[in-house]
Every structure is written in C-alpha cells, then in structure tokens.
Amino acid sequence: MEEEESLKLKALSDIASIDISLEFENVLQEILKITCKTMNAHSGTLMLVDEVTDELKMVSSFGLSTDYIDKVYRVANEAGLLISSSPSGTVLKTGKYLAVPNIFDEPKKQTMVSYC
C-alpha cells in the first residue's frame, strides 16, 4: 500500500476511535487535529453549514490562537461580511473544489484574516 494511502487509513482509523461521549465541540476539535496533522498543515479551521440559513459557521480551529474564531467573527461583523464570503463560502455555493495556493494572496480572504 502506498504511504499516502496508509496515512489516510490511519487518519480515518484515528477519527473512528474518537470518544463520541465527548462534547460535540471536542469531537470536532479532535477531527480537525487529526486531519491537520495528516496533511502536515500547521493550522486549520472547521466550518459547518447551517442548513436553515445556508451560511457557514466556524466551529473549530487548530494551531491558531484560542480566540481566533471570535476574532474572525468580530472582524467580519465590523466589515459587514459573512464567513460565507470567504473561499469556503464559494465552495458552499458552487459545490466545486476551489484551490487557494496562498490564502494571504486570495481576494476573498477578508473574513479569514490571520491571527496567529
């Protein structure tokens, strides 16, 4: 088996091993942590879709300051933007993959300001 496939299978196994009796936020945090480590990402966020409003909600972060989510929402509110105006929102609206090689060069990064 290829090394990449082996890493994916390990990540899936690790995710499946998460104690589901934990608070939902903690389960999401563990999923994000495993995913970021598997992808060699130094940080990441996890967003869920509010199916009533069709808006994204940032629910977890990894490798970022503990108040990162609060800061993103504060800046977005001050700018009059929704989290869905980000590249992730484009994916939500189009249903298509969107490659963003460098988020710092992305025009739609207004709500994804870095607070590392």
Protein backbone atom coordinates (compact mmCIF):
# COMPACT_ATOMS: atom_id res chain seq x y z
CA MET A 1 0.00 0.00 0.00
CA GLU A 2 1.25 3.49 -0.81
CA GLU A 3 2.44 5.64 2.07
CA GLU A 4 -0.22 8.27 1.30
CA GLU A 5 -2.98 5.68 1.39
CA SER A 6 -1.61 4.30 4.63
CA LEU A 7 -1.66 7.79 6.19
CA LYS A 8 -5.26 8.30 5.07
CA LEU A 9 -6.33 4.98 6.52
CA LYS A 10 -4.58 5.76 9.82
CA ALA A 11 -6.30 9.15 9.96
CA LEU A 12 -9.69 7.53 9.34
CA SER A 13 -8.96 4.93 11.98
CA ASP A 14 -7.92 7.64 14.46
CA ILE A 15 -11.09 9.62 13.71
CA ALA A 16 -13.21 6.50 14.16
CA SER A 17 -11.53 5.99 17.57
CA ILE A 18 -12.61 9.36 18.95
CA ASP A 19 -14.68 9.04 22.10
CA ILE A 20 -18.12 10.16 20.94
CA SER A 21 -19.24 10.72 24.52
CA LEU A 22 -17.12 13.88 24.49
CA GLU A 23 -18.78 17.25 23.96
CA PHE A 24 -19.52 17.79 20.26
CA GLU A 25 -17.04 20.70 20.09
CA ASN A 26 -14.30 18.41 21.44
CA VAL A 27 -15.12 15.73 18.86
CA LEU A 28 -14.83 18.34 16.09
CA GLN A 29 -11.55 19.58 17.57
CA GLU A 30 -10.11 16.06 17.52
CA ILE A 31 -11.23 15.50 13.92
CA LEU A 32 -9.58 18.76 12.85
CA LYS A 33 -6.39 18.00 14.78
CA ILE A 34 -6.05 14.57 13.16
CA THR A 35 -6.80 16.00 9.71
CA CYS A 36 -4.28 18.84 10.03
CA LYS A 37 -1.54 16.53 11.30
CA THR A 38 -2.21 14.05 8.49
CA MET A 39 -1.98 16.83 5.91
CA ASN A 40 1.12 18.36 7.56
CA ALA A 41 -0.87 21.58 7.97
CA HIS A 42 0.31 23.87 10.75
CA SER A 43 -3.22 25.20 11.25
CA GLY A 44 -6.77 24.92 10.04
CA THR A 45 -10.40 25.62 10.75
CA LEU A 46 -13.53 23.54 10.52
CA MET A 47 -16.78 25.04 9.30
CA LEU A 48 -20.25 23.56 9.27
CA VAL A 49 -23.23 24.64 7.18
CA ASP A 50 -26.32 25.99 8.90
CA GLU A 51 -28.91 24.26 6.72
CA VAL A 52 -31.59 26.79 7.67
CA THR A 53 -29.67 29.91 6.62
CA ASP A 54 -27.22 28.27 4.18
CA GLU A 55 -24.40 30.08 5.96
CA LEU A 56 -21.12 28.71 7.19
CA LYS A 57 -20.29 28.61 10.88
CA MET A 58 -16.67 28.29 12.00
CA VAL A 59 -16.78 25.74 14.80
CA SER A 60 -13.20 24.68 15.45
CA SER A 61 -9.63 25.78 14.89
CA PHE A 62 -6.27 24.07 15.23
CA GLY A 63 -2.83 25.64 15.54
CA LEU A 64 -4.29 29.13 15.90
CA SER A 65 -4.86 31.36 18.91
CA THR A 66 -7.58 30.20 21.29
CA ASP A 67 -9.68 33.26 20.44
CA TYR A 68 -9.14 33.01 16.66
CA ILE A 69 -12.79 32.20 15.87
CA ASP A 70 -14.06 35.09 18.00
CA LYS A 71 -11.62 37.47 16.28
CA VAL A 72 -12.65 36.31 12.80
CA TYR A 73 -16.31 36.88 13.61
CA ARG A 74 -15.56 40.29 15.15
CA VAL A 75 -13.60 41.44 12.08
CA ALA A 76 -16.24 40.03 9.73
CA ASN A 77 -19.02 41.83 11.62
CA GLU A 78 -17.06 45.09 11.64
CA ALA A 79 -16.54 44.76 7.87
CA GLY A 80 -20.18 43.83 7.29
CA LEU A 81 -19.19 40.46 5.83
CA LEU A 82 -20.36 36.92 6.39
CA ILE A 83 -18.00 33.98 6.83
CA SER A 84 -19.61 32.66 3.64
CA SER A 85 -17.93 35.46 1.66
CA SER A 86 -14.67 33.54 2.09
CA PRO A 87 -13.24 30.94 -0.32
CA SER A 88 -15.07 28.31 1.75
CA GLY A 89 -18.32 30.10 1.01
CA THR A 90 -17.56 29.89 -2.70
CA VAL A 91 -17.22 26.12 -2.35
CA LEU A 92 -20.51 26.00 -0.45
CA LYS A 93 -22.31 28.00 -3.15
CA THR A 94 -20.82 26.27 -6.19
CA GLY A 95 -20.35 22.76 -4.82
CA LYS A 96 -16.98 22.68 -6.55
CA TYR A 97 -13.43 22.34 -5.24
CA LEU A 98 -11.52 25.62 -5.00
CA ALA A 99 -7.74 25.60 -4.82
CA VAL A 100 -6.27 28.52 -2.90
CA PRO A 101 -2.48 28.20 -3.10
CA ASN A 102 -1.84 31.11 -0.73
CA ILE A 103 -4.70 32.43 1.41
CA PHE A 104 -2.74 35.65 2.00
CA ASP A 105 -2.96 36.43 -1.73
CA GLU A 106 -6.63 35.44 -2.02
CA PRO A 107 -9.01 38.35 -2.76
CA LYS A 108 -11.81 36.65 -0.78
CA LYS A 109 -9.75 36.39 2.41
CA GLN A 110 -11.42 39.38 4.10
CA THR A 111 -13.09 37.21 6.72
CA MET A 112 -10.19 34.81 7.02
CA VAL A 113 -7.69 37.29 8.42
CA SER A 114 -4.79 35.54 10.15
CA TYR A 115 -4.44 36.00 13.90
CA CYS A 116 -1.64 33.52 14.51
